[in-house]
Amino acid sequence: MVHDDLSERRRTVEDRVADACARSGRDPREIRIVAVTKGHPAETVVAALEAGFREIGENRVGEATGKFLEVAGSIEEHGAVRHMVGHLQRNKARDALDSFDWIQSVDSVRLARALSRRLENGDAGFPVLIEVNAGGEEQKHGFAPEVAVERAHEIAELPGLALRGIMTMAPLTDDEAVLRATFRRAREIHEALRRIGVTAADTLSMGMSGDYSVAVEEGATMLRLGTVLFGPRTGG
């Protein structure tokens, strides 16, 4: 299905981002949007690119690999950046590096080392984010907040990787206080990375379809949006 109203949905999202920036004294140009096409057909990727999105996110290596190959011409034409935003198993590290331009879900030092080993050029600087379980949920992947900075420092030293910041997912709740507490914790960790000298850490990826306005108010520089742009997933 081609989303004829996608450009309008994009404008609505951008208006809400601008409002959130106004409330928090920020510049909307600081905010990047990753359009997450998980569970949607390849033509949705094309529709997103034609609507002006230049960063595309997927959760699963296998799904993304086939989808990106199908629309490789459009991805190249639009200069799209492909983000891995879902949980990544170590045995999929090579495939992920082949299919994506960023990996946002580095949730262990072992995974980071696996990625580092598979990069042919140690100076390539492949962009990664560490995933932090800022909400402390047992079912979520990611580093615990109390060890995140120390582990990030280890990962930043690995050859071939460029640690660009952190990613987090807030609990699925309508409680704004819980959302804000989670996002603030993530922001504090991100700021701590800068203080310890991880100067490339310019990205704070947090905020999804149900909570992105709050995430912007709390300091997000990158949003990962799916349902608000494309509607419910059709598969996956």
Protein backbone atom coordinates (compact mmCIF):
# COMPACT_ATOMS: atom_id res chain seq x y z
CA MET A 1 0.00 0.00 0.00
CA VAL A 2 1.34 3.41 -0.97
CA HIS A 3 0.63 5.94 1.77
CA ASP A 4 -0.84 8.87 -0.14
CA ASP A 5 -1.20 10.86 3.09
CA LEU A 6 2.36 10.30 4.29
CA SER A 7 3.49 13.82 3.47
CA GLU A 8 0.63 15.19 5.56
CA ARG A 9 1.51 12.88 8.43
CA ARG A 10 5.08 14.07 8.20
CA ARG A 11 3.94 17.69 8.44
CA THR A 12 1.83 16.88 11.49
CA VAL A 13 4.79 15.22 13.21
CA GLU A 14 7.07 18.10 12.34
CA ASP A 15 4.52 20.58 13.73
CA ARG A 16 4.37 18.65 17.01
CA VAL A 17 8.16 18.52 17.16
CA ALA A 18 8.31 22.26 16.59
CA ASP A 19 5.78 22.83 19.38
CA ALA A 20 7.80 20.64 21.75
CA CYS A 21 10.96 22.52 20.81
CA ALA A 22 9.24 25.84 21.48
CA ARG A 23 8.18 24.66 24.93
CA SER A 24 11.73 23.55 25.77
CA GLY A 25 13.73 26.31 24.08
CA ARG A 26 15.20 24.10 21.38
CA ASP A 27 15.75 24.37 17.63
CA PRO A 28 13.65 21.89 15.57
CA ARG A 29 16.60 21.54 13.20
CA GLU A 30 18.38 19.62 15.95
CA ILE A 31 15.88 16.76 15.66
CA ARG A 32 16.34 13.91 13.19
CA ILE A 33 13.52 11.51 12.37
CA VAL A 34 14.13 7.86 11.57
CA ALA A 35 11.12 6.45 9.73
CA VAL A 36 10.72 2.89 11.02
CA THR A 37 9.27 0.64 8.35
CA LYS A 38 9.30 -2.65 10.26
CA GLY A 39 6.40 -4.89 9.27
CA HIS A 40 5.57 -2.84 6.18
CA PRO A 41 6.33 -3.80 2.57
CA ALA A 42 9.26 -2.49 0.57
CA GLU A 43 7.06 0.04 -1.19
CA THR A 44 6.60 1.79 2.16
CA VAL A 45 10.33 2.49 2.20
CA VAL A 46 9.99 4.09 -1.23
CA ALA A 47 6.97 6.10 -0.07
CA ALA A 48 8.94 7.35 2.94
CA LEU A 49 11.84 8.43 0.77
CA GLU A 50 9.53 10.18 -1.68
CA ALA A 51 7.85 11.98 1.25
CA GLY A 52 11.20 13.44 2.24
CA PHE A 53 12.51 11.06 4.90
CA ARG A 54 16.18 10.23 4.50
CA GLU A 55 16.69 7.91 7.47
CA ILE A 56 14.99 4.51 7.51
CA GLY A 57 14.83 2.12 10.46
CA GLU A 58 14.26 -1.60 10.63
CA ASN A 59 14.16 -4.01 13.60
CA ARG A 60 15.21 -7.30 12.04
CA VAL A 61 18.23 -8.07 9.91
CA GLY A 62 16.53 -10.67 7.72
CA GLU A 63 13.49 -8.56 6.92
CA ALA A 64 15.60 -5.48 6.29
CA THR A 65 18.11 -7.21 4.01
CA GLY A 66 15.47 -8.40 1.56
CA LYS A 67 13.51 -5.16 1.71
CA PHE A 68 16.56 -2.95 1.14
CA LEU A 69 17.71 -5.08 -1.78
CA GLU A 70 14.28 -4.76 -3.38
CA VAL A 71 14.41 -0.98 -3.27
CA ALA A 72 18.18 -0.50 -3.56
CA GLY A 73 17.79 1.94 -6.44
CA SER A 74 15.56 4.27 -4.43
CA ILE A 75 17.83 4.07 -1.40
CA GLU A 76 20.82 5.04 -3.51
CA GLU A 77 18.92 7.75 -5.40
CA HIS A 78 17.80 9.46 -2.19
CA GLY A 79 21.02 8.90 -0.24
CA ALA A 80 19.10 7.11 2.50
CA VAL A 81 20.74 6.15 5.79
CA ARG A 82 19.67 2.73 7.09
CA HIS A 83 19.36 2.23 10.86
CA MET A 84 19.20 -1.04 12.77
CA VAL A 85 16.94 -0.21 15.72
CA GLY A 86 15.97 -3.68 17.01
CA HIS A 87 17.75 -6.27 19.11
CA LEU A 88 20.81 -7.66 17.33
CA GLN A 89 22.24 -11.12 17.98
CA ARG A 90 26.01 -11.54 17.73
CA ASN A 91 25.70 -14.17 15.00
CA LYS A 92 23.98 -11.56 12.83
CA ALA A 93 26.73 -8.98 13.24
CA ARG A 94 28.24 -9.40 9.79
CA ASP A 95 24.87 -9.31 8.06
CA ALA A 96 23.88 -6.20 10.01
CA LEU A 97 27.06 -4.41 8.97
CA ASP A 98 26.34 -5.29 5.35
CA SER A 99 22.71 -4.12 5.47
CA PHE A 100 22.82 -1.03 7.69
CA ASP A 101 24.69 2.26 7.97
CA TRP A 102 24.03 2.69 11.71
CA ILE A 103 23.42 0.19 14.50
CA GLN A 104 21.46 1.73 17.37
CA SER A 105 21.04 -1.35 19.54
CA VAL A 106 24.49 -2.29 20.86
CA ASP A 107 23.44 -3.76 24.19
CA SER A 108 26.58 -5.60 25.28
CA VAL A 109 30.34 -5.27 25.05
CA ARG A 110 30.43 -8.74 23.48
CA LEU A 111 28.21 -7.56 20.63
CA ALA A 112 30.35 -4.45 20.18
CA ARG A 113 33.48 -6.61 19.99
CA ALA A 114 31.81 -8.88 17.43
CA LEU A 115 31.00 -5.87 15.27
CA SER A 116 34.50 -4.50 15.67
CA ARG A 117 36.11 -7.78 14.59
CA ARG A 118 34.01 -7.90 11.43
CA LEU A 119 34.91 -4.45 10.19
CA GLU A 120 37.63 -4.84 7.61
CA ASN A 121 38.94 -1.31 7.99
CA GLY A 122 39.68 -0.58 11.63
CA ASP A 123 39.54 3.17 10.96
CA ALA A 124 36.17 3.09 9.20
CA GLY A 125 34.27 4.53 12.16
CA PHE A 126 30.99 2.65 11.75
CA PRO A 127 28.33 4.61 13.71
CA VAL A 128 26.82 2.81 16.70
CA LEU A 129 24.70 3.74 19.68
CA ILE A 130 24.67 1.85 22.94
CA GLU A 131 21.24 0.78 24.11
CA VAL A 132 20.49 1.76 27.70
CA ASN A 133 17.62 0.29 29.68
CA ALA A 134 16.87 3.66 31.26
CA GLY A 135 13.47 2.51 32.50
CA GLY A 136 14.92 -0.49 34.36
CA GLU A 137 12.46 -2.95 32.82
CA GLU A 138 13.37 -6.63 33.19
CA GLN A 139 12.09 -7.54 29.72
CA LYS A 140 14.08 -4.84 27.92
CA HIS A 141 17.54 -5.18 26.42
CA GLY A 142 20.25 -2.67 27.15
CA PHE A 143 22.86 -1.66 29.68
CA ALA A 144 21.73 -0.82 33.19
CA PRO A 145 22.06 2.93 33.79
CA GLU A 146 24.60 2.49 36.57
CA VAL A 147 27.11 0.73 34.28
CA ALA A 148 26.29 2.40 30.96
CA VAL A 149 29.01 5.06 31.03
CA GLU A 150 31.74 2.59 31.96
CA ARG A 151 30.69 0.16 29.23
CA ALA A 152 30.38 2.98 26.73
CA HIS A 153 33.97 3.96 27.44
CA GLU A 154 35.07 0.38 26.64
CA ILE A 155 33.08 0.36 23.41
CA ALA A 156 34.39 3.75 22.34
CA GLU A 157 37.92 2.30 22.38
CA LEU A 158 37.13 -0.57 19.99
CA PRO A 159 38.60 -0.25 16.49
CA GLY A 160 36.21 0.30 13.61
CA LEU A 161 33.38 1.69 15.70
CA ALA A 162 32.32 5.29 16.20
CA LEU A 163 30.25 5.59 19.36
CA ARG A 164 27.74 8.30 18.48
CA GLY A 165 25.64 8.26 21.64
CA ILE A 166 22.86 6.25 23.23
CA MET A 167 19.45 4.85 22.45
CA THR A 168 16.66 4.05 24.88
CA MET A 169 13.03 2.93 24.88
CA ALA A 170 10.66 4.27 27.50
CA PRO A 171 8.15 2.00 29.23
CA LEU A 172 4.85 1.57 27.41
CA THR A 173 2.76 3.87 29.60
CA ASP A 174 0.63 7.01 29.51
CA ASP A 175 2.20 8.19 32.78
CA GLU A 176 4.09 11.30 31.72
CA ALA A 177 6.09 11.36 34.94
CA VAL A 178 7.48 7.89 34.18
CA LEU A 179 8.30 8.89 30.62
CA ARG A 180 10.08 12.05 31.70
CA ALA A 181 12.07 10.24 34.38
CA THR A 182 13.22 7.65 31.84
CA PHE A 183 14.19 10.21 29.23
CA ARG A 184 15.98 12.40 31.78
CA ARG A 185 18.01 9.44 32.96
CA ALA A 186 19.01 8.71 29.38
CA ARG A 187 19.93 12.35 28.81
CA GLU A 188 22.10 12.38 31.94
CA ILE A 189 23.98 9.32 30.70
CA HIS A 190 24.42 10.92 27.31
CA GLU A 191 25.81 14.06 28.92
CA ALA A 192 28.17 11.92 31.01
CA LEU A 193 29.59 10.36 27.84
CA ARG A 194 30.54 13.81 26.64
CA ARG A 195 32.16 14.63 29.96
CA ILE A 196 34.41 11.57 29.84
CA GLY A 197 35.65 12.56 26.40
CA VAL A 198 33.47 10.61 23.97
CA THR A 199 33.30 13.69 21.77
CA ALA A 200 31.57 11.92 18.86
CA ALA A 201 28.56 11.15 21.09
CA ASP A 202 26.20 13.66 19.50
CA THR A 203 23.08 11.50 19.28
CA LEU A 204 20.38 10.80 21.85
CA SER A 205 17.91 8.45 20.18
CA MET A 206 14.70 8.27 22.18
CA GLY A 207 11.06 8.87 21.50
CA MET A 208 8.64 6.74 19.51
CA SER A 209 5.14 7.23 18.14
CA GLY A 210 3.42 7.46 21.52
CA ASP A 211 5.89 9.62 23.41
CA TYR A 212 8.03 11.60 20.98
CA SER A 213 6.85 15.05 22.07
CA VAL A 214 7.95 14.35 25.64
CA ALA A 215 11.24 12.92 24.37
CA VAL A 216 11.95 16.12 22.45
CA GLU A 217 11.22 18.21 25.52
CA GLU A 218 13.67 16.06 27.48
CA GLY A 219 16.52 16.36 24.99
CA ALA A 220 16.13 13.78 22.22
CA THR A 221 18.09 14.50 19.05
CA MET A 222 16.72 11.52 17.11
CA LEU A 223 13.20 10.05 17.03
CA ARG A 224 12.23 6.57 15.84
CA LEU A 225 8.72 6.78 14.39
CA GLY A 226 6.65 4.06 12.79
CA THR A 227 2.94 3.83 13.58
CA VAL A 228 2.36 7.58 13.66
CA LEU A 229 3.65 7.75 10.09
CA PHE A 230 2.60 4.47 8.50
CA GLY A 231 -0.28 3.19 10.61
CA PRO A 232 -0.40 -0.30 12.14
CA ARG A 233 2.12 -2.82 10.86
CA THR A 234 0.91 -5.17 8.13
CA GLY A 235 3.29 -7.98 9.09
CA GLY A 236 6.31 -8.89 11.19
